[in-house]
Amino acid sequence: MHEQLIHILPMVLDLGGTFVFAISGAVAASRHRLDIFGVMVLAFAAGNAGGITRDLLIGAVPPAAIANWTYVGVSVLAGFIVFFWSSIVTRLDHPVQWFDAVGLAFFAVAGAEKALMYGLNPLMAALLGMLTGIGGGMLRDVLVREIPVVLRADLYALAALAGAATVVIAHLLQISPLAGALGGGLLCFALRYGAIRHRWHLPAARPSGR
């Protein structure tokens, strides 16, 4: 049972993160008035860029997002939901940020879990968890010509790293993978919630005066 959970959990988290990030990508596309093809492209890009990058780096080829049609299906479903019912989604306050925060939590823990499953050392597993979390949001922002949120002064990459590190620590302490994933996901989301709601941020660079 434990072995089954270790193998199933990363995929479940991956699909959850794919759906939520794809929603955020589709919302960004809708805000920039892209057509339905553009919405689908941005949904897939946001939902799968982080996972594809992670899989290539750990040697899990072909990447799950390409080898398994479910990832494409989940991305397309998210795109259609936003395209046809955008008024419902956009009623939320800062919808891209909130969906992004949930997706970040899913992907940070999924990335760390999968990296550990492929035998990476704890430090690299935590860093790959962070990379999985931030990859989709970065590509989404670049495609709509915005500064990626990870480069701004709020807690984004740090939140993903904290969530991934929690998964790694749970693994080292031989705590249940499910408990580690839950704790890591909640910590990551809590940090992003604070950054969005209470404007927590890291020090930002300021141009020197002449």
Protein backbone atom coordinates (compact mmCIF):
# COMPACT_ATOMS: atom_id res chain seq x y z
CA MET A 1 0.00 0.00 0.00
CA HIS A 2 2.84 2.37 0.92
CA GLU A 3 4.65 1.67 -2.36
CA GLN A 4 1.47 2.25 -4.37
CA LEU A 5 0.94 5.59 -2.63
CA ILE A 6 4.49 6.71 -3.44
CA HIS A 7 3.92 6.04 -7.16
CA ILE A 8 0.35 7.36 -7.41
CA LEU A 9 0.71 10.51 -5.29
CA PRO A 10 3.00 12.48 -7.68
CA MET A 11 0.64 11.86 -10.60
CA VAL A 12 -2.44 12.91 -8.63
CA LEU A 13 -0.70 16.09 -7.45
CA ASP A 14 0.62 16.70 -10.97
CA LEU A 15 -2.86 16.52 -12.50
CA GLY A 16 -4.28 18.78 -9.80
CA GLY A 17 -1.53 21.32 -10.40
CA THR A 18 -1.95 21.02 -14.17
CA PHE A 19 -5.66 21.81 -13.96
CA VAL A 20 -5.28 24.78 -11.63
CA PHE A 21 -2.31 26.29 -13.47
CA ALA A 22 -4.10 25.75 -16.79
CA ILE A 23 -7.02 27.75 -15.37
CA SER A 24 -4.63 30.58 -14.48
CA GLY A 25 -3.10 30.48 -17.96
CA ALA A 26 -6.52 30.54 -19.62
CA VAL A 27 -7.63 33.47 -17.44
CA ALA A 28 -4.49 35.40 -18.41
CA ALA A 29 -5.21 34.65 -22.08
CA SER A 30 -8.82 35.79 -21.67
CA ARG A 31 -7.70 39.06 -20.09
CA HIS A 32 -5.48 39.72 -23.10
CA ARG A 33 -8.39 38.93 -25.45
CA LEU A 34 -6.75 35.95 -27.14
CA ASP A 35 -8.87 33.68 -29.35
CA ILE A 36 -9.84 30.14 -28.35
CA PHE A 37 -6.62 28.69 -29.81
CA GLY A 38 -4.56 31.18 -27.80
CA VAL A 39 -6.50 30.30 -24.66
CA MET A 40 -5.76 26.59 -25.16
CA VAL A 41 -2.08 27.20 -25.89
CA LEU A 42 -1.66 29.32 -22.77
CA ALA A 43 -3.63 26.83 -20.67
CA PHE A 44 -1.37 23.95 -21.78
CA ALA A 45 1.81 26.00 -21.42
CA ALA A 46 0.98 27.19 -17.90
CA GLY A 47 -0.27 23.79 -16.81
CA ASN A 48 2.61 21.68 -18.08
CA ALA A 49 5.82 23.70 -18.49
CA GLY A 50 7.06 23.04 -14.95
CA GLY A 51 6.36 19.32 -15.07
CA ILE A 52 7.95 18.87 -18.48
CA THR A 53 11.11 20.67 -17.36
CA ARG A 54 11.32 18.55 -14.21
CA ASP A 55 10.83 15.28 -16.09
CA LEU A 56 13.52 16.15 -18.62
CA LEU A 57 15.99 16.99 -15.84
CA ILE A 58 15.41 13.76 -13.89
CA GLY A 59 15.37 11.56 -16.99
CA ALA A 60 11.67 10.68 -16.89
CA VAL A 61 11.28 10.67 -20.68
CA PRO A 62 9.13 11.17 -22.54
CA PRO A 63 7.67 13.67 -20.02
CA ALA A 64 4.33 12.63 -18.51
CA ALA A 65 2.58 15.69 -19.99
CA ILE A 66 3.46 14.41 -23.47
CA ALA A 67 3.25 10.65 -22.93
CA ASN A 68 -0.09 10.68 -21.08
CA TRP A 69 -3.10 12.19 -22.88
CA THR A 70 -4.75 12.93 -19.51
CA TYR A 71 -2.54 15.98 -19.04
CA VAL A 72 -3.62 17.41 -22.39
CA GLY A 73 -7.25 16.60 -21.59
CA VAL A 74 -7.08 18.34 -18.21
CA SER A 75 -5.46 21.41 -19.81
CA VAL A 76 -8.07 21.59 -22.58
CA LEU A 77 -10.89 21.16 -20.05
CA ALA A 78 -9.54 24.08 -18.01
CA GLY A 79 -9.25 26.17 -21.17
CA PHE A 80 -12.83 25.46 -22.20
CA ILE A 81 -14.16 26.25 -18.72
CA VAL A 82 -12.52 29.67 -18.77
CA PHE A 83 -13.36 30.41 -22.42
CA PHE A 84 -17.08 29.63 -22.10
CA TRP A 85 -17.67 30.57 -18.45
CA SER A 86 -15.06 33.27 -17.90
CA SER A 87 -17.55 35.52 -16.11
CA ILE A 88 -17.81 32.99 -13.28
CA VAL A 89 -14.04 32.59 -12.87
CA THR A 90 -13.21 36.28 -13.15
CA ARG A 91 -15.63 37.21 -10.36
CA LEU A 92 -12.88 36.19 -7.96
CA ASP A 93 -10.56 38.89 -6.67
CA HIS A 94 -7.24 38.49 -8.54
CA PRO A 95 -8.18 35.08 -10.05
CA VAL A 96 -4.83 34.47 -11.74
CA GLN A 97 -2.99 34.97 -8.45
CA TRP A 98 -5.27 32.66 -6.47
CA PHE A 99 -5.28 29.84 -9.01
CA ASP A 100 -1.55 30.34 -9.35
CA ALA A 101 -1.11 29.95 -5.58
CA VAL A 102 -3.03 26.66 -5.51
CA GLY A 103 -1.16 25.35 -8.55
CA LEU A 104 2.17 26.37 -7.01
CA ALA A 105 1.38 24.31 -3.91
CA PHE A 106 0.37 21.25 -5.96
CA PHE A 107 3.41 21.36 -8.22
CA ALA A 108 6.00 22.15 -5.54
CA VAL A 109 5.15 19.02 -3.57
CA ALA A 110 4.59 16.89 -6.70
CA GLY A 111 7.98 17.88 -8.08
CA ALA A 112 9.77 17.03 -4.84
CA GLU A 113 7.94 13.70 -4.51
CA LYS A 114 8.79 12.64 -8.07
CA ALA A 115 12.43 13.74 -7.73
CA LEU A 116 12.77 11.63 -4.58
CA MET A 117 11.11 8.71 -6.35
CA TYR A 118 13.81 8.94 -9.05
CA GLY A 119 16.58 8.83 -6.45
CA LEU A 120 17.72 12.44 -6.37
CA ASN A 121 19.43 13.71 -3.22
CA PRO A 122 17.31 15.79 -0.82
CA LEU A 123 18.74 19.19 -1.83
CA MET A 124 18.19 18.61 -5.55
CA ALA A 125 14.72 17.19 -4.88
CA ALA A 126 13.73 20.38 -3.04
CA LEU A 127 15.13 22.58 -5.81
CA LEU A 128 13.36 20.56 -8.50
CA GLY A 129 10.13 20.87 -6.53
CA MET A 130 10.57 24.64 -6.60
CA LEU A 131 11.36 24.58 -10.33
CA THR A 132 8.25 22.50 -11.04
CA GLY A 133 6.16 25.03 -9.16
CA ILE A 134 7.46 28.18 -10.82
CA GLY A 135 7.92 26.92 -14.40
CA GLY A 136 4.34 27.18 -15.62
CA GLY A 137 3.76 30.63 -14.18
CA MET A 138 6.96 31.94 -15.69
CA LEU A 139 6.09 30.73 -19.19
CA ARG A 140 2.53 32.06 -18.87
CA ASP A 141 3.74 35.53 -17.93
CA VAL A 142 6.37 35.59 -20.69
CA LEU A 143 3.80 34.61 -23.33
CA VAL A 144 1.55 37.53 -22.39
CA ARG A 145 4.55 39.89 -22.16
CA GLU A 146 4.51 40.45 -18.41
CA ILE A 147 7.40 40.34 -15.94
CA PRO A 148 7.24 36.82 -14.43
CA VAL A 149 5.83 36.94 -10.93
CA VAL A 150 8.82 34.93 -9.65
CA LEU A 151 11.06 37.93 -10.49
CA ARG A 152 8.94 40.40 -8.57
CA ALA A 153 9.31 41.19 -4.88
CA ASP A 154 6.64 38.91 -3.39
CA LEU A 155 7.03 35.40 -1.96
CA TYR A 156 6.76 33.00 -4.88
CA ALA A 157 9.83 30.86 -5.46
CA LEU A 158 10.49 30.94 -1.72
CA ALA A 159 6.99 29.60 -1.02
CA ALA A 160 7.52 26.78 -3.53
CA LEU A 161 10.91 25.95 -2.02
CA ALA A 162 9.42 25.85 1.49
CA GLY A 163 6.69 23.46 0.36
CA ALA A 164 9.14 21.21 -1.47
CA ALA A 165 11.56 21.24 1.47
CA THR A 166 8.75 20.10 3.77
CA VAL A 167 8.19 17.06 1.55
CA VAL A 168 11.91 16.28 1.60
CA ILE A 169 12.15 16.63 5.38
CA ALA A 170 9.13 14.33 5.81
CA HIS A 171 10.87 11.79 3.56
CA LEU A 172 14.08 11.97 5.61
CA LEU A 173 12.10 11.52 8.85
CA GLN A 174 10.19 8.60 7.27
CA ILE A 175 6.85 10.35 7.69
CA SER A 176 3.98 9.29 5.43
CA PRO A 177 4.31 10.80 1.91
CA LEU A 178 0.67 11.89 2.12
CA ALA A 179 1.31 13.80 5.35
CA GLY A 180 4.45 15.37 3.89
CA ALA A 181 2.61 16.43 0.75
CA LEU A 182 -0.29 17.87 2.74
CA GLY A 183 2.01 19.79 5.08
CA GLY A 184 4.17 21.07 2.24
CA GLY A 185 1.19 22.11 0.14
CA LEU A 186 -0.45 23.97 3.01
CA LEU A 187 2.79 25.77 3.91
CA CYS A 188 3.37 26.83 0.30
CA PHE A 189 -0.19 28.10 -0.08
CA ALA A 190 -0.08 29.89 3.30
CA LEU A 191 3.04 31.80 2.28
CA ARG A 192 1.50 32.78 -1.07
CA TYR A 193 -1.73 33.76 0.69
CA GLY A 194 0.22 36.05 2.98
CA ALA A 195 2.11 37.53 0.05
CA ILE A 196 -1.11 38.24 -1.87
CA ARG A 197 -3.35 39.30 0.99
CA HIS A 198 -0.89 41.00 3.33
CA ARG A 199 1.76 42.06 0.80
CA TRP A 200 4.57 40.03 2.33
CA HIS A 201 7.60 40.41 0.12
CA LEU A 202 11.34 40.15 -0.11
CA PRO A 203 13.47 43.31 -0.32
CA ALA A 204 13.31 44.76 -3.83
CA ALA A 205 16.17 46.38 -5.72
CA ARG A 206 16.05 50.17 -5.86
CA PRO A 207 17.90 52.27 -8.41
CA SER A 208 20.64 54.34 -6.83
CA GLY A 209 20.21 58.09 -6.98
CA ARG A 210 22.57 60.23 -8.98
